[in-house]
Amino acid sequence: MTKPVFQKEINKCAVVIVGGTSGVGLASALQFVQAGASRIALVGRNIDRGNAAIVALREIRSDIVAVFIAADANIPAEAERVTAVAHQELEGLDILVNTTAASYVPKLLFNTDINDIPVILNQQALAPLLMSRAVLPYMREQKFGVITNVASDAAKTPTPGETIIGAGMAAITLFSRTLAVEAKRDGIRVNAITPSLIDGTSVYDRVMEDPFSAKLFSNAAKLAHLGVADPEDLAAMIVFLSGPGAKRVTGQAISVNGGISAG
């Protein structure tokens, strides 16, 4: 029986990033390459943005194997296809990062159309669950893998206007912690990152354009005495959790929020 590996160096890992063409996903891809990763696949729906992201990676290191896979990972069959293509193109699959986000602006529940609720939950929570399930056979066979799912502090802190998004984030977070317990015997580590505001992202711009959510998050930003987090802050934590320094870290939901909240 193959024994769990527990950890590989980043430069020996094949990395897949879902939502990897912008924001936290792209920042993570760039930092993975800077950390020595030479095999990386980015998954997204926008082909132009995906191709531009691959160019950006190759500007850091011209000899990397870098591929863009156009797909909607909220669809089970697409999640399985992405995983199979990435495994073939990269000749392996060691690290999975899920950074997808719903195109949703916080609203009080009574202002939320009831028909939007399943859409919001699916857009937010489904891709990390499906992709994690899709990669498990490959990771279990090799007795090694690292999965990091990006959720948010809405999973931990009840916030008016985030009833539905909080439910989706809580689903990702508890899913990640429970999968960590299930998968640890196979050498697979699973963690969640739970940011609050992330400056310099399309999500940040979108919520700040809406009067209700802008007021909500402007008040939250005042509590970030260490500074509002940006994609690079999240990427640094994601790369750390994927590397040897975090080889004993699993089942955690780690906030990167500049001090907006604790816990």
Protein backbone atom coordinates (compact mmCIF):
# COMPACT_ATOMS: atom_id res chain seq x y z
CA MET A 1 0.00 0.00 0.00
CA THR A 2 1.27 3.45 -0.94
CA LYS A 3 1.96 5.60 2.11
CA PRO A 4 0.79 9.23 2.23
CA VAL A 5 3.38 11.74 0.99
CA PHE A 6 2.10 14.59 3.20
CA GLN A 7 4.02 17.25 1.29
CA LYS A 8 5.81 18.03 -1.94
CA GLU A 9 7.84 21.08 -2.76
CA ILE A 10 5.91 23.65 -4.81
CA ASN A 11 8.29 23.22 -7.74
CA LYS A 12 7.28 19.56 -7.99
CA CYS A 13 3.53 20.19 -7.93
CA ALA A 14 0.94 20.52 -10.68
CA VAL A 15 -1.43 23.35 -9.75
CA VAL A 16 -5.04 23.94 -10.85
CA ILE A 17 -6.73 27.25 -10.02
CA VAL A 18 -10.46 27.64 -10.64
CA GLY A 19 -11.30 31.29 -11.15
CA GLY A 20 -7.64 31.78 -11.95
CA THR A 21 -7.93 34.50 -14.59
CA SER A 22 -8.45 37.51 -12.31
CA GLY A 23 -8.46 38.71 -8.71
CA VAL A 24 -7.31 36.28 -6.03
CA GLY A 25 -7.03 33.42 -8.51
CA LEU A 26 -4.67 35.23 -10.85
CA ALA A 27 -2.64 36.68 -7.97
CA SER A 28 -2.26 33.14 -6.62
CA ALA A 29 -1.17 31.82 -10.02
CA LEU A 30 1.50 34.50 -10.29
CA GLN A 31 2.79 33.76 -6.80
CA PHE A 32 2.81 30.01 -7.43
CA VAL A 33 5.04 30.58 -10.47
CA GLN A 34 7.26 32.91 -8.45
CA ALA A 35 7.50 30.15 -5.82
CA GLY A 36 8.78 27.70 -8.45
CA ALA A 37 5.66 26.03 -9.85
CA SER A 38 6.27 24.97 -13.44
CA ARG A 39 2.97 23.24 -14.24
CA ILE A 40 -0.23 25.23 -13.83
CA ALA A 41 -3.76 25.26 -15.25
CA LEU A 42 -6.18 28.17 -14.97
CA VAL A 43 -9.92 27.57 -15.22
CA GLY A 44 -12.45 30.27 -16.11
CA ARG A 45 -15.26 31.23 -18.44
CA ASN A 46 -13.74 34.26 -20.18
CA ILE A 47 -11.40 33.07 -22.94
CA ASP A 48 -9.75 36.44 -23.59
CA ARG A 49 -9.02 36.92 -19.91
CA GLY A 50 -7.75 33.37 -19.66
CA ASN A 51 -5.32 33.78 -22.54
CA ALA A 52 -4.08 37.08 -21.09
CA ALA A 53 -3.46 35.38 -17.74
CA ILE A 54 -1.35 32.66 -19.38
CA VAL A 55 0.74 35.37 -21.07
CA ALA A 56 1.28 37.02 -17.68
CA LEU A 57 2.50 33.74 -16.19
CA ARG A 58 4.92 33.13 -19.04
CA GLU A 59 6.34 36.62 -18.60
CA ILE A 60 7.57 35.45 -15.19
CA ARG A 61 8.86 32.11 -16.43
CA SER A 62 8.91 31.31 -20.12
CA ASP A 63 9.48 27.56 -19.76
CA ILE A 64 6.43 26.72 -17.66
CA VAL A 65 3.63 24.42 -18.76
CA ALA A 66 0.66 26.78 -18.46
CA VAL A 67 -2.78 26.05 -19.88
CA PHE A 68 -6.14 27.77 -19.80
CA ILE A 69 -9.27 25.61 -19.66
CA ALA A 70 -12.52 27.35 -20.51
CA ALA A 71 -15.32 25.89 -18.41
CA ASP A 72 -18.12 26.52 -15.94
CA ALA A 73 -17.10 24.52 -12.87
CA ASN A 74 -20.60 24.89 -11.41
CA ILE A 75 -21.66 22.09 -13.77
CA PRO A 76 -20.75 18.54 -12.61
CA ALA A 77 -19.74 17.27 -16.05
CA GLU A 78 -17.59 20.36 -16.64
CA ALA A 79 -15.83 19.92 -13.30
CA GLU A 80 -14.96 16.35 -14.25
CA ARG A 81 -13.81 17.40 -17.73
CA VAL A 82 -11.62 20.19 -16.34
CA THR A 83 -10.00 17.81 -13.90
CA ALA A 84 -9.29 15.17 -16.54
CA VAL A 85 -7.87 17.72 -19.01
CA ALA A 86 -5.71 19.37 -16.36
CA HIS A 87 -4.37 16.02 -15.17
CA GLN A 88 -3.43 15.05 -18.71
CA GLU A 89 -1.94 18.40 -19.72
CA LEU A 90 0.06 18.84 -16.51
CA GLU A 91 0.95 15.16 -16.15
CA GLY A 92 -0.40 15.22 -12.62
CA LEU A 93 -2.61 17.11 -10.23
CA ASP A 94 -1.34 18.02 -6.78
CA ILE A 95 -2.82 21.37 -5.75
CA LEU A 96 -6.36 22.64 -6.30
CA VAL A 97 -7.38 26.21 -5.49
CA ASN A 98 -11.02 27.29 -5.82
CA THR A 99 -11.55 31.07 -5.94
CA THR A 100 -14.88 31.47 -7.74
CA ALA A 101 -17.36 34.10 -6.54
CA ALA A 102 -21.02 34.84 -7.20
CA SER A 103 -22.02 38.02 -9.00
CA TYR A 104 -24.17 39.08 -6.07
CA VAL A 105 -24.52 42.37 -4.19
CA PRO A 106 -25.53 42.07 -0.51
CA LYS A 107 -29.23 42.66 0.13
CA LEU A 108 -31.51 42.20 3.08
CA LEU A 109 -33.44 38.98 2.69
CA PHE A 110 -36.84 40.65 2.21
CA ASN A 111 -35.33 42.60 -0.71
CA THR A 112 -33.97 39.43 -2.33
CA ASP A 113 -36.08 37.84 -5.06
CA ILE A 114 -36.92 34.32 -3.92
CA ASN A 115 -36.01 33.01 -7.38
CA ASP A 116 -32.48 34.39 -7.00
CA ILE A 117 -31.70 32.32 -3.90
CA PRO A 118 -30.84 29.01 -5.62
CA VAL A 119 -28.88 30.89 -8.29
CA ILE A 120 -26.77 32.71 -5.70
CA LEU A 121 -26.10 29.54 -3.72
CA ASN A 122 -25.16 27.59 -6.84
CA GLN A 123 -22.85 30.32 -8.17
CA GLN A 124 -21.11 30.68 -4.84
CA ALA A 125 -20.85 27.23 -3.32
CA LEU A 126 -21.15 24.62 -6.04
CA ALA A 127 -17.82 24.91 -7.91
CA PRO A 128 -15.58 24.30 -4.85
CA LEU A 129 -17.65 21.27 -3.89
CA LEU A 130 -17.70 19.79 -7.38
CA MET A 131 -14.04 20.44 -8.12
CA SER A 132 -12.95 19.01 -4.78
CA ARG A 133 -14.92 15.87 -5.50
CA ALA A 134 -13.53 15.63 -9.03
CA VAL A 135 -9.88 15.75 -7.97
CA LEU A 136 -10.19 13.26 -5.11
CA PRO A 137 -9.61 10.07 -7.16
CA TYR A 138 -6.31 11.43 -8.50
CA MET A 139 -5.15 12.68 -5.11
CA ARG A 140 -6.19 9.51 -3.28
CA GLU A 141 -4.32 7.35 -5.78
CA GLN A 142 -1.07 9.26 -5.30
CA LYS A 143 -1.66 9.69 -1.54
CA PHE A 144 -1.09 13.42 -1.70
CA GLY A 145 -3.00 16.57 -2.45
CA VAL A 146 -3.75 20.08 -1.23
CA ILE A 147 -7.13 21.77 -1.67
CA THR A 148 -7.74 25.40 -0.69
CA ASN A 149 -11.22 26.87 -1.02
CA VAL A 150 -11.81 30.61 -0.82
CA ALA A 151 -14.97 31.49 1.13
CA SER A 152 -15.43 34.61 3.27
CA ASP A 153 -15.93 35.84 6.81
CA ALA A 154 -19.65 35.87 6.02
CA ALA A 155 -19.39 32.19 6.97
CA LYS A 156 -18.40 33.18 10.52
CA THR A 157 -19.98 36.55 11.27
CA PRO A 158 -23.73 37.20 10.83
CA THR A 159 -23.94 40.36 8.74
CA PRO A 160 -27.16 42.07 7.60
CA GLY A 161 -27.43 41.75 3.85
CA GLU A 162 -25.44 38.51 3.71
CA THR A 163 -28.07 35.96 4.63
CA ILE A 164 -27.76 34.07 1.35
CA ILE A 165 -24.11 34.72 0.58
CA GLY A 166 -23.30 33.81 4.20
CA ALA A 167 -25.13 30.52 3.78
CA GLY A 168 -23.06 29.76 0.67
CA MET A 169 -19.81 30.70 2.36
CA ALA A 170 -20.68 28.62 5.41
CA ALA A 171 -21.34 25.68 3.10
CA ILE A 172 -17.87 26.01 1.55
CA THR A 173 -16.20 26.39 4.94
CA LEU A 174 -17.83 23.44 6.69
CA PHE A 175 -17.47 21.33 3.56
CA SER A 176 -13.73 22.07 3.55
CA ARG A 177 -13.28 21.24 7.23
CA THR A 178 -15.26 18.01 6.95
CA LEU A 179 -13.44 16.91 3.80
CA ALA A 180 -10.16 17.54 5.63
CA VAL A 181 -11.20 14.96 8.24
CA GLU A 182 -12.27 12.48 5.58
CA ALA A 183 -9.20 12.87 3.37
CA LYS A 184 -6.33 13.18 5.87
CA ARG A 185 -5.61 9.45 5.89
CA ASP A 186 -4.85 9.71 2.16
CA GLY A 187 -2.34 12.52 2.65
CA ILE A 188 -4.77 15.18 1.41
CA ARG A 189 -4.98 18.52 3.20
CA VAL A 190 -7.99 20.81 2.85
CA ASN A 191 -8.35 24.35 4.17
CA ALA A 192 -10.56 27.38 3.62
CA ILE A 193 -9.56 31.03 3.39
CA THR A 194 -12.17 33.46 4.68
CA PRO A 195 -11.46 37.07 3.70
CA SER A 196 -13.77 40.01 4.22
CA LEU A 197 -13.19 42.90 1.83
CA ILE A 198 -10.67 42.30 -0.94
CA ASP A 199 -9.53 45.54 -2.49
CA GLY A 200 -8.64 45.63 -6.18
CA THR A 201 -11.20 43.04 -7.31
CA SER A 202 -14.34 43.20 -9.43
CA VAL A 203 -16.37 42.03 -6.42
CA TYR A 204 -15.07 44.97 -4.36
CA ASP A 205 -15.94 47.41 -7.14
CA ARG A 206 -19.41 45.93 -7.53
CA VAL A 207 -20.37 46.10 -3.85
CA MET A 208 -18.99 49.63 -3.55
CA GLU A 209 -21.24 50.81 -6.39
CA ASP A 210 -24.38 49.77 -4.52
CA PRO A 211 -25.49 52.26 -1.81
CA PHE A 212 -26.55 49.62 0.75
CA SER A 213 -23.50 47.37 0.43
CA ALA A 214 -21.14 50.35 0.10
CA LYS A 215 -22.29 51.63 3.50
CA LEU A 216 -22.02 48.16 4.98
CA PHE A 217 -18.48 47.53 3.77
CA SER A 218 -17.24 51.08 4.30
CA ASN A 219 -18.02 50.60 7.98
CA ALA A 220 -16.23 47.25 7.93
CA ALA A 221 -13.17 48.79 6.25
CA LYS A 222 -12.77 51.19 9.17
CA LEU A 223 -12.07 48.16 11.39
CA ALA A 224 -9.23 46.95 9.14
CA HIS A 225 -6.53 48.74 11.11
CA LEU A 226 -3.89 46.54 9.45
CA GLY A 227 -5.23 47.56 6.05
CA VAL A 228 -7.91 46.12 3.80
CA ALA A 229 -6.69 42.87 2.25
CA ASP A 230 -5.84 42.71 -1.45
CA PRO A 231 -5.50 39.72 -3.81
CA GLU A 232 -1.78 39.43 -3.11
CA ASP A 233 -2.45 39.00 0.62
CA LEU A 234 -4.81 36.12 -0.06
CA ALA A 235 -2.45 34.61 -2.62
CA ALA A 236 0.42 34.59 -0.14
CA MET A 237 -1.66 32.58 2.32
CA ILE A 238 -2.84 30.19 -0.39
CA VAL A 239 0.72 29.49 -1.55
CA PHE A 240 1.87 29.04 2.05
CA LEU A 241 -0.91 26.55 2.78
CA SER A 242 0.11 24.62 -0.35
CA GLY A 243 3.75 24.32 0.63
CA PRO A 244 5.96 22.43 3.10
CA GLY A 245 5.57 25.05 5.82
CA ALA A 246 1.91 24.07 6.22
CA LYS A 247 2.32 20.30 5.99
CA ARG A 248 0.51 19.79 9.32
CA VAL A 249 -2.25 22.33 8.63
CA THR A 250 -5.63 20.98 7.58
CA GLY A 251 -9.29 21.54 8.37
CA GLN A 252 -8.79 25.24 9.11
CA ALA A 253 -10.77 28.31 8.09
CA ILE A 254 -8.30 31.17 8.13
CA SER A 255 -9.38 34.81 8.04
CA VAL A 256 -7.23 37.30 6.13
CA ASN A 257 -9.03 40.55 6.77
CA GLY A 258 -6.72 43.20 8.24
CA GLY A 259 -8.41 43.03 11.63
CA ILE A 260 -12.05 43.52 10.59
CA SER A 261 -12.97 40.53 12.75
CA ALA A 262 -11.29 37.84 14.81
CA GLY A 263 -12.00 34.13 14.91
